[in-house]
Amino acid sequence: MRIAVVGIHGHGFASHIRNYPSLPNVEVAALCDIDENLFVERLKWFEQNNKPAPKTCVDIRKLLEDKSIDAISVATPNHWHALAGVWACQETGNTDRQHYRNFVDAIRANNPSIVRGNVEEGHYSCSLIHLANASYRLGRSLNFDPVAQRVVNDDDANRMLTREYRKPFVVPQQV
């Protein structure tokens, strides 16, 4: 499987780029990021680890035109995930397109009542994945408080629940 990693800073490098090559029959075939200054360092990592050098691009829309790519792995700031999914579905004709379209329409209308999926259920699903990842990386069990949405008495784990965004991508503490 030929994977393209979209967003190669931070989590994109630490989790996506560094782990996909260890999977059987998986090749990181392309890297995409708006910050082209990151490409030199990332390509150096592939060379140092005896992996084939992936293609690079700064525009996800161009990447999605490449029919040799089997899947994209999105590690961008949160507000870009849905758009990357919509564009990927539009390019491939994937049937999940209506799911993404509905989500984007609800955001644009500022009307969560029109979302056909259960947003809270989606949040809990994503939270479980994030908690499992934090537990694995820290090598210990976690005690999560679902009301406070925090790991009890574990600053290291709580830092993993979010990340510091690069400018100009800023997410306010309170919405």
C-alpha atoms as a PDB file:
ATOM      1  CA  MET A   1       0.000   0.000   0.000  1.00  0.00           C
ATOM      2  CA  ARG A   2       1.340   3.416  -0.987  1.00  0.00           C
ATOM      3  CA  ILE A   3       0.544   5.995   1.705  1.00  0.00           C
ATOM      4  CA  ALA A   4       0.819   9.781   1.510  1.00  0.00           C
ATOM      5  CA  VAL A   5       1.284  11.599   4.815  1.00  0.00           C
ATOM      6  CA  VAL A   6      -0.385  15.015   4.862  1.00  0.00           C
ATOM      7  CA  GLY A   7       1.044  17.233   7.605  1.00  0.00           C
ATOM      8  CA  ILE A   8       4.618  16.203   8.419  1.00  0.00           C
ATOM      9  CA  HIS A   9       5.384  18.343  11.476  1.00  0.00           C
ATOM     10  CA  GLY A  10       5.066  17.010  15.043  1.00  0.00           C
ATOM     11  CA  HIS A  11       2.596  14.117  15.128  1.00  0.00           C
ATOM     12  CA  GLY A  12       2.857  13.600  11.362  1.00  0.00           C
ATOM     13  CA  PHE A  13       6.531  12.782  11.750  1.00  0.00           C
ATOM     14  CA  ALA A  14       6.537  11.170  15.206  1.00  0.00           C
ATOM     15  CA  SER A  15       3.620   8.803  14.600  1.00  0.00           C
ATOM     16  CA  HIS A  16       2.815   8.598  10.901  1.00  0.00           C
ATOM     17  CA  ILE A  17       6.114   8.840   8.997  1.00  0.00           C
ATOM     18  CA  ARG A  18       8.176   6.909  11.527  1.00  0.00           C
ATOM     19  CA  ASN A  19       5.676   4.057  11.984  1.00  0.00           C
ATOM     20  CA  TYR A  20       4.192   3.306   8.546  1.00  0.00           C
ATOM     21  CA  PRO A  21       7.457   1.930   7.106  1.00  0.00           C
ATOM     22  CA  SER A  22       7.522  -0.749   9.830  1.00  0.00           C
ATOM     23  CA  LEU A  23       4.210  -2.192   8.601  1.00  0.00           C
ATOM     24  CA  PRO A  24       4.381  -5.029   6.064  1.00  0.00           C
ATOM     25  CA  ASN A  25       3.693  -3.995   2.449  1.00  0.00           C
ATOM     26  CA  VAL A  26       3.363  -0.294   3.333  1.00  0.00           C
ATOM     27  CA  GLU A  27       5.425   2.442   1.700  1.00  0.00           C
ATOM     28  CA  VAL A  28       5.323   6.144   2.504  1.00  0.00           C
ATOM     29  CA  ALA A  29       5.172   7.255  -1.115  1.00  0.00           C
ATOM     30  CA  ALA A  30       4.518  10.979  -0.662  1.00  0.00           C
ATOM     31  CA  LEU A  31       4.776  13.771   1.873  1.00  0.00           C
ATOM     32  CA  CYS A  32       2.557  16.833   1.750  1.00  0.00           C
ATOM     33  CA  ASP A  33       2.861  19.953   3.874  1.00  0.00           C
ATOM     34  CA  ILE A  34       2.367  23.667   3.315  1.00  0.00           C
ATOM     35  CA  ASP A  35       5.747  24.272   4.991  1.00  0.00           C
ATOM     36  CA  GLU A  36       8.177  23.057   2.338  1.00  0.00           C
ATOM     37  CA  ASN A  37      11.093  23.819   4.688  1.00  0.00           C
ATOM     38  CA  LEU A  38      10.272  20.561   6.512  1.00  0.00           C
ATOM     39  CA  PHE A  39      10.955  18.355   3.472  1.00  0.00           C
ATOM     40  CA  VAL A  40      14.777  18.391   3.724  1.00  0.00           C
ATOM     41  CA  GLU A  41      14.781  17.052   7.291  1.00  0.00           C
ATOM     42  CA  ARG A  42      12.063  14.465   6.607  1.00  0.00           C
ATOM     43  CA  LEU A  43      13.752  13.165   3.423  1.00  0.00           C
ATOM     44  CA  LYS A  44      17.005  12.895   5.371  1.00  0.00           C
ATOM     45  CA  TRP A  45      15.210  10.588   7.835  1.00  0.00           C
ATOM     46  CA  PHE A  46      14.161   8.280   4.969  1.00  0.00           C
ATOM     47  CA  GLU A  47      17.747   8.169   3.678  1.00  0.00           C
ATOM     48  CA  GLN A  48      19.204   7.481   7.140  1.00  0.00           C
ATOM     49  CA  ASN A  49      16.722   4.623   7.624  1.00  0.00           C
ATOM     50  CA  ASN A  50      17.301   3.063   4.178  1.00  0.00           C
ATOM     51  CA  LYS A  51      13.755   3.768   3.026  1.00  0.00           C
ATOM     52  CA  PRO A  52      12.769   4.930  -0.463  1.00  0.00           C
ATOM     53  CA  ALA A  53      12.517   8.707  -0.712  1.00  0.00           C
ATOM     54  CA  PRO A  54       8.882   9.775  -1.077  1.00  0.00           C
ATOM     55  CA  LYS A  55       7.655  12.473  -3.440  1.00  0.00           C
ATOM     56  CA  THR A  56       6.928  15.853  -1.873  1.00  0.00           C
ATOM     57  CA  CYS A  57       4.234  18.434  -2.510  1.00  0.00           C
ATOM     58  CA  VAL A  58       2.785  21.504  -0.821  1.00  0.00           C
ATOM     59  CA  ASP A  59      -0.768  21.303  -2.201  1.00  0.00           C
ATOM     60  CA  ILE A  60      -2.975  18.397  -1.104  1.00  0.00           C
ATOM     61  CA  ARG A  61      -5.175  18.890  -4.170  1.00  0.00           C
ATOM     62  CA  LYS A  62      -2.201  18.065  -6.428  1.00  0.00           C
ATOM     63  CA  LEU A  63      -1.360  15.083  -4.246  1.00  0.00           C
ATOM     64  CA  LEU A  64      -4.884  13.711  -4.601  1.00  0.00           C
ATOM     65  CA  GLU A  65      -4.514  13.736  -8.401  1.00  0.00           C
ATOM     66  CA  ASP A  66      -1.720  11.135  -8.095  1.00  0.00           C
ATOM     67  CA  LYS A  67      -3.414   7.814  -8.875  1.00  0.00           C
ATOM     68  CA  SER A  68      -0.402   5.846  -7.577  1.00  0.00           C
ATOM     69  CA  ILE A  69      -1.335   6.814  -3.989  1.00  0.00           C
ATOM     70  CA  ASP A  70      -3.599   4.281  -2.288  1.00  0.00           C
ATOM     71  CA  ALA A  71      -4.440   6.236   0.872  1.00  0.00           C
ATOM     72  CA  ILE A  72      -3.725   9.473   2.680  1.00  0.00           C
ATOM     73  CA  SER A  73      -2.892   9.751   6.361  1.00  0.00           C
ATOM     74  CA  VAL A  74      -3.863  13.172   7.684  1.00  0.00           C
ATOM     75  CA  ALA A  75      -1.808  14.675  10.527  1.00  0.00           C
ATOM     76  CA  THR A  76      -2.708  18.319  10.041  1.00  0.00           C
ATOM     77  CA  PRO A  77      -4.128  20.738  12.602  1.00  0.00           C
ATOM     78  CA  ASN A  78      -7.641  19.606  13.546  1.00  0.00           C
ATOM     79  CA  HIS A  79      -9.528  22.176  11.490  1.00  0.00           C
ATOM     80  CA  TRP A  80      -8.028  20.768   8.243  1.00  0.00           C
ATOM     81  CA  HIS A  81      -9.034  17.121   8.794  1.00  0.00           C
ATOM     82  CA  ALA A  82     -12.587  17.403   7.461  1.00  0.00           C
ATOM     83  CA  LEU A  83     -11.567  19.370   4.392  1.00  0.00           C
ATOM     84  CA  ALA A  84      -8.800  16.876   3.557  1.00  0.00           C
ATOM     85  CA  GLY A  85     -11.379  14.096   3.870  1.00  0.00           C
ATOM     86  CA  VAL A  86     -13.881  15.899   1.651  1.00  0.00           C
ATOM     87  CA  TRP A  87     -11.267  16.509  -1.040  1.00  0.00           C
ATOM     88  CA  ALA A  88     -10.066  12.899  -0.878  1.00  0.00           C
ATOM     89  CA  CYS A  89     -13.626  11.600  -1.238  1.00  0.00           C
ATOM     90  CA  GLN A  90     -14.335  13.969  -4.116  1.00  0.00           C
ATOM     91  CA  GLU A  91     -11.209  12.808  -5.926  1.00  0.00           C
ATOM     92  CA  THR A  92     -11.824   9.091  -5.380  1.00  0.00           C
ATOM     93  CA  GLY A  93     -15.620   9.007  -5.538  1.00  0.00           C
ATOM     94  CA  ASN A  94     -15.667   7.374  -2.098  1.00  0.00           C
ATOM     95  CA  THR A  95     -19.195   6.806  -0.790  1.00  0.00           C
ATOM     96  CA  ASP A  96     -18.375   8.425   2.574  1.00  0.00           C
ATOM     97  CA  ARG A  97     -18.445  11.781   0.779  1.00  0.00           C
ATOM     98  CA  GLN A  98     -21.998  12.483   1.972  1.00  0.00           C
ATOM     99  CA  HIS A  99     -20.879  11.954   5.575  1.00  0.00           C
ATOM    100  CA  TYR A 100     -18.151  14.583   5.201  1.00  0.00           C
ATOM    101  CA  ARG A 101     -20.382  16.907   3.197  1.00  0.00           C
ATOM    102  CA  ASN A 102     -23.044  16.810   5.920  1.00  0.00           C
ATOM    103  CA  PHE A 103     -20.451  17.611   8.587  1.00  0.00           C
ATOM    104  CA  VAL A 104     -19.048  20.568   6.611  1.00  0.00           C
ATOM    105  CA  ASP A 105     -22.568  21.857   5.850  1.00  0.00           C
ATOM    106  CA  ALA A 106     -23.433  21.799   9.577  1.00  0.00           C
ATOM    107  CA  ILE A 107     -20.281  23.773  10.408  1.00  0.00           C
ATOM    108  CA  ARG A 108     -20.958  26.340   7.699  1.00  0.00           C
ATOM    109  CA  ALA A 109     -24.560  26.740   8.876  1.00  0.00           C
ATOM    110  CA  ASN A 110     -23.453  26.864  12.524  1.00  0.00           C
ATOM    111  CA  ASN A 111     -26.221  24.361  13.186  1.00  0.00           C
ATOM    112  CA  PRO A 112     -25.186  21.114  14.911  1.00  0.00           C
ATOM    113  CA  SER A 113     -28.775  19.817  14.771  1.00  0.00           C
ATOM    114  CA  ILE A 114     -28.432  19.037  11.046  1.00  0.00           C
ATOM    115  CA  VAL A 115     -25.503  16.630  11.562  1.00  0.00           C
ATOM    116  CA  ARG A 116     -26.734  13.132  10.714  1.00  0.00           C
ATOM    117  CA  GLY A 117     -24.023  11.478  12.828  1.00  0.00           C
ATOM    118  CA  ASN A 118     -23.708  11.541  16.586  1.00  0.00           C
ATOM    119  CA  VAL A 119     -20.955  14.095  17.295  1.00  0.00           C
ATOM    120  CA  GLU A 120     -20.676  13.113  20.959  1.00  0.00           C
ATOM    121  CA  GLU A 121     -20.208   9.459  19.987  1.00  0.00           C
ATOM    122  CA  GLY A 122     -17.494  10.527  17.544  1.00  0.00           C
ATOM    123  CA  HIS A 123     -15.780  12.515  20.294  1.00  0.00           C
ATOM    124  CA  TYR A 124     -15.786   9.523  22.649  1.00  0.00           C
ATOM    125  CA  SER A 125     -14.415   7.243  19.910  1.00  0.00           C
ATOM    126  CA  CYS A 126     -11.565   9.646  19.180  1.00  0.00           C
ATOM    127  CA  SER A 127     -10.900  10.162  22.888  1.00  0.00           C
ATOM    128  CA  LEU A 128     -10.499   6.412  23.428  1.00  0.00           C
ATOM    129  CA  ILE A 129      -7.980   6.242  20.596  1.00  0.00           C
ATOM    130  CA  HIS A 130      -6.010   9.199  21.991  1.00  0.00           C
ATOM    131  CA  LEU A 131      -6.032   7.685  25.491  1.00  0.00           C
ATOM    132  CA  ALA A 132      -4.874   4.299  24.215  1.00  0.00           C
ATOM    133  CA  ASN A 133      -2.054   5.993  22.311  1.00  0.00           C
ATOM    134  CA  ALA A 134      -1.004   7.979  25.412  1.00  0.00           C
ATOM    135  CA  SER A 135      -1.132   4.858  27.591  1.00  0.00           C
ATOM    136  CA  TYR A 136       0.988   2.925  25.095  1.00  0.00           C
ATOM    137  CA  ARG A 137       3.558   5.717  24.736  1.00  0.00           C
ATOM    138  CA  LEU A 138       3.847   6.229  28.492  1.00  0.00           C
ATOM    139  CA  GLY A 139       3.880   2.499  29.245  1.00  0.00           C
ATOM    140  CA  ARG A 140       1.242   2.664  31.955  1.00  0.00           C
ATOM    141  CA  SER A 141      -2.489   2.561  32.611  1.00  0.00           C
ATOM    142  CA  LEU A 142      -4.396   5.824  32.761  1.00  0.00           C
ATOM    143  CA  ASN A 143      -7.284   6.905  34.976  1.00  0.00           C
ATOM    144  CA  PHE A 144      -9.496   9.163  32.835  1.00  0.00           C
ATOM    145  CA  ASP A 145     -12.175  11.447  34.290  1.00  0.00           C
ATOM    146  CA  PRO A 146     -14.867  11.699  31.575  1.00  0.00           C
ATOM    147  CA  VAL A 147     -16.567  14.673  33.243  1.00  0.00           C
ATOM    148  CA  ALA A 148     -13.413  16.800  33.450  1.00  0.00           C
ATOM    149  CA  GLN A 149     -12.064  15.274  30.193  1.00  0.00           C
ATOM    150  CA  ARG A 150      -8.648  14.895  31.881  1.00  0.00           C
ATOM    151  CA  VAL A 151      -6.386  12.084  33.029  1.00  0.00           C
ATOM    152  CA  VAL A 152      -6.370  12.014  36.825  1.00  0.00           C
ATOM    153  CA  ASN A 153      -3.033  13.027  38.426  1.00  0.00           C
ATOM    154  CA  ASP A 154      -0.986  12.579  35.258  1.00  0.00           C
ATOM    155  CA  ASP A 155       0.438  15.752  33.707  1.00  0.00           C
ATOM    156  CA  ASP A 156       2.409  13.780  31.080  1.00  0.00           C
ATOM    157  CA  ALA A 157      -0.735  12.088  29.802  1.00  0.00           C
ATOM    158  CA  ASN A 158      -2.751  15.310  29.864  1.00  0.00           C
ATOM    159  CA  ARG A 159      -0.134  17.023  27.709  1.00  0.00           C
ATOM    160  CA  MET A 160      -0.704  14.293  25.121  1.00  0.00           C
ATOM    161  CA  LEU A 161      -4.418  15.107  24.879  1.00  0.00           C
ATOM    162  CA  THR A 162      -3.637  18.243  22.906  1.00  0.00           C
ATOM    163  CA  ARG A 163      -0.640  19.918  21.396  1.00  0.00           C
ATOM    164  CA  GLU A 164       0.775  23.332  20.812  1.00  0.00           C
ATOM    165  CA  TYR A 165      -0.105  24.541  17.335  1.00  0.00           C
ATOM    166  CA  ARG A 166       2.313  26.371  15.080  1.00  0.00           C
ATOM    167  CA  LYS A 167       1.382  29.891  14.122  1.00  0.00           C
ATOM    168  CA  PRO A 168      -0.850  30.878  12.434  1.00  0.00           C
ATOM    169  CA  PHE A 169      -2.840  27.778  13.503  1.00  0.00           C
ATOM    170  CA  VAL A 170      -4.210  28.674  16.924  1.00  0.00           C
ATOM    171  CA  VAL A 171      -7.028  27.004  18.806  1.00  0.00           C
ATOM    172  CA  PRO A 172      -8.431  29.054  21.709  1.00  0.00           C
ATOM    173  CA  GLN A 173      -8.556  27.484  25.191  1.00  0.00           C
ATOM    174  CA  GLN A 174     -12.258  28.358  25.518  1.00  0.00           C
ATOM    175  CA  VAL A 175     -14.694  28.396  22.626  1.00  0.00           C
END
